[in-house]
Amino acid sequence: MKIEASSPDEYIQNAPPERQEALSKLRDVIKSHLPEGFQETMSYGMIGYVVPHSIYPNGYHCDPKLPLPFMNLASQKNFIAVYNSAIYADQKILNWFVESYQAQTGKKPDMGKSCIRLKKIDAIPYELIGQLSAKMSVKEWIALYEKRNG
């Protein structure tokens, strides 16, 4: 489900009404936990958290005009999605997240490679998403990204 928006505020305002509060709360928890240097923007039609060109001029290898992506927040057709590059690129962070999610919710997370699917709005582990947001600094993300993309 594509939401037309030119800003994160507009994205949330244009999301389905039943998801707006959860998206806003996720946005707040991500922003309050992200290490310094990441920048909020619209990225790939979602709310994005990126390493800006002012810090990493090379940009994203697939399209150097774009800043280096790190996280995204989106309202998809059947769920809210949090995309986090750290869980895709770092096995230790993935293992930590899966174990922590199970310990907090009693269930395995519904995940893709970098996607966490949050289908039940009333069961979103906000603080855990905040902790995940804080797991990797800009410097650590750039180093891991360069190591993996040579």
Protein backbone atom coordinates (compact mmCIF):
# COMPACT_ATOMS: atom_id res chain seq x y z
CA MET A 1 0.00 0.00 0.00
CA LYS A 2 1.66 3.19 -1.17
CA ILE A 3 0.95 6.32 0.83
CA GLU A 4 1.49 9.58 -1.02
CA ALA A 5 3.43 11.92 1.23
CA SER A 6 6.26 14.42 1.04
CA SER A 7 7.07 14.40 4.76
CA PRO A 8 6.92 11.97 7.69
CA ASP A 9 4.08 13.99 9.25
CA GLU A 10 2.08 13.84 6.01
CA TYR A 11 2.81 10.09 5.73
CA ILE A 12 1.26 9.44 9.14
CA GLN A 13 -1.70 11.74 8.41
CA ASN A 14 -2.38 9.84 5.17
CA ALA A 15 -2.04 6.38 6.74
CA PRO A 16 -5.18 4.41 7.67
CA PRO A 17 -6.70 6.07 10.75
CA GLU A 18 -6.41 2.90 12.85
CA ARG A 19 -2.62 2.88 12.30
CA GLN A 20 -1.80 6.56 12.78
CA GLU A 21 -1.26 6.41 16.54
CA ALA A 22 0.98 3.33 16.30
CA LEU A 23 3.02 4.84 13.44
CA SER A 24 3.43 8.07 15.36
CA LYS A 25 4.53 6.23 18.50
CA LEU A 26 6.98 4.06 16.51
CA ARG A 27 8.37 7.17 14.84
CA ASP A 28 8.85 8.85 18.22
CA VAL A 29 10.55 5.82 19.78
CA ILE A 30 12.87 5.37 16.79
CA LYS A 31 13.83 9.06 16.73
CA SER A 32 14.47 9.14 20.47
CA HIS A 33 16.76 6.09 20.34
CA LEU A 34 18.64 6.51 17.05
CA PRO A 35 22.27 7.49 17.55
CA GLU A 36 23.35 10.96 16.48
CA GLY A 37 23.97 11.43 12.77
CA PHE A 38 21.03 9.54 11.30
CA GLN A 39 18.54 11.80 9.56
CA GLU A 40 14.79 11.36 9.18
CA THR A 41 13.48 11.75 5.63
CA MET A 42 11.10 10.22 3.14
CA SER A 43 12.83 7.25 1.55
CA TYR A 44 11.36 4.75 -0.93
CA GLY A 45 7.88 6.07 -0.21
CA MET A 46 8.26 5.37 3.53
CA ILE A 47 9.52 7.23 6.56
CA GLY A 48 13.26 6.69 6.40
CA TYR A 49 16.28 7.05 8.63
CA VAL A 50 19.44 7.50 6.60
CA VAL A 51 23.09 8.49 6.77
CA PRO A 52 23.02 11.84 4.94
CA HIS A 53 25.45 12.71 2.16
CA SER A 54 27.04 15.28 4.51
CA ILE A 55 28.35 12.34 6.57
CA TYR A 56 28.66 9.68 3.84
CA PRO A 57 29.09 11.41 0.45
CA ASN A 58 29.26 8.08 -1.44
CA GLY A 59 25.56 7.48 -0.81
CA TYR A 60 23.83 4.19 -1.49
CA HIS A 61 25.75 1.97 -3.93
CA CYS A 62 22.61 1.09 -5.91
CA ASP A 63 21.98 4.80 -6.52
CA PRO A 64 24.70 7.14 -5.16
CA LYS A 65 22.30 10.10 -5.45
CA LEU A 66 20.38 8.58 -2.53
CA PRO A 67 21.66 8.73 1.05
CA LEU A 68 22.72 5.49 2.73
CA PRO A 69 19.53 3.88 4.13
CA PHE A 70 19.43 2.40 7.63
CA MET A 71 15.81 2.10 8.80
CA ASN A 72 12.34 2.58 7.37
CA LEU A 73 8.86 2.69 8.84
CA ALA A 74 5.84 1.91 6.68
CA SER A 75 2.18 1.07 6.66
CA GLN A 76 1.84 -1.93 4.34
CA LYS A 77 -1.37 -3.60 3.18
CA ASN A 78 -1.74 -5.99 6.14
CA PHE A 79 0.74 -4.73 8.71
CA ILE A 80 3.06 -2.01 9.91
CA ALA A 81 6.63 -2.70 8.85
CA VAL A 82 9.89 -1.69 10.44
CA TYR A 83 12.88 -2.25 8.17
CA ASN A 84 16.24 -2.28 9.93
CA SER A 85 19.53 -2.85 8.12
CA ALA A 86 21.33 -3.87 11.32
CA ILE A 87 19.26 -7.06 11.69
CA TYR A 88 19.99 -7.89 8.06
CA ALA A 89 23.72 -7.16 8.16
CA ASP A 90 24.74 -8.24 11.66
CA GLN A 91 23.92 -11.76 12.87
CA LYS A 92 24.52 -10.84 16.53
CA ILE A 93 21.93 -8.06 16.35
CA LEU A 94 19.48 -10.38 14.57
CA ASN A 95 19.94 -13.06 17.25
CA TRP A 96 19.54 -10.47 20.03
CA PHE A 97 16.36 -9.11 18.46
CA VAL A 98 14.73 -12.52 17.90
CA GLU A 99 15.55 -13.66 21.45
CA SER A 100 14.41 -10.37 23.00
CA TYR A 101 11.20 -10.33 20.97
CA GLN A 102 10.35 -13.88 22.06
CA ALA A 103 11.15 -13.10 25.69
CA GLN A 104 8.94 -9.99 25.67
CA THR A 105 6.02 -11.25 23.60
CA GLY A 106 6.14 -15.03 23.96
CA LYS A 107 6.11 -15.34 20.17
CA LYS A 108 8.62 -15.47 17.34
CA PRO A 109 8.78 -12.26 15.33
CA ASP A 110 7.24 -12.27 11.86
CA MET A 111 10.25 -11.21 9.80
CA GLY A 112 11.80 -11.03 6.37
CA LYS A 113 15.47 -10.24 5.75
CA SER A 114 15.34 -6.71 7.19
CA CYS A 115 11.59 -6.45 7.73
CA ILE A 116 9.74 -6.81 11.00
CA ARG A 117 6.02 -7.24 10.34
CA LEU A 118 3.84 -5.86 13.11
CA LYS A 119 0.36 -7.20 12.43
CA LYS A 120 -1.24 -6.59 15.83
CA ILE A 121 -1.18 -2.91 16.70
CA ASP A 122 -1.98 -3.58 20.34
CA ALA A 123 1.04 -5.92 20.66
CA ILE A 124 3.82 -3.74 19.22
CA PRO A 125 6.96 -3.95 21.43
CA TYR A 126 7.75 -0.23 21.18
CA GLU A 127 10.63 -0.20 23.64
CA LEU A 128 12.27 -3.16 21.90
CA ILE A 129 12.05 -1.32 18.56
CA GLY A 130 13.68 1.63 20.30
CA GLN A 131 16.47 -0.57 21.62
CA LEU A 132 16.99 -2.01 18.14
CA SER A 133 17.23 1.53 16.74
CA ALA A 134 20.05 2.28 19.17
CA LYS A 135 22.11 -0.86 18.46
CA MET A 136 24.35 0.61 15.75
CA SER A 137 25.97 4.02 15.40
CA VAL A 138 26.37 5.82 12.08
CA LYS A 139 30.09 5.03 12.14
CA GLU A 140 29.44 1.32 12.82
CA TRP A 141 26.78 1.17 10.09
CA ILE A 142 29.08 2.78 7.49
CA ALA A 143 31.93 0.39 8.39
CA LEU A 144 29.69 -2.68 8.16
CA TYR A 145 28.07 -1.43 4.96
CA GLU A 146 31.47 -0.86 3.31
CA LYS A 147 32.72 -4.25 4.48
CA ARG A 148 29.69 -6.02 2.99
CA ASN A 149 29.57 -3.98 -0.22
CA GLY A 150 33.33 -3.77 -0.81
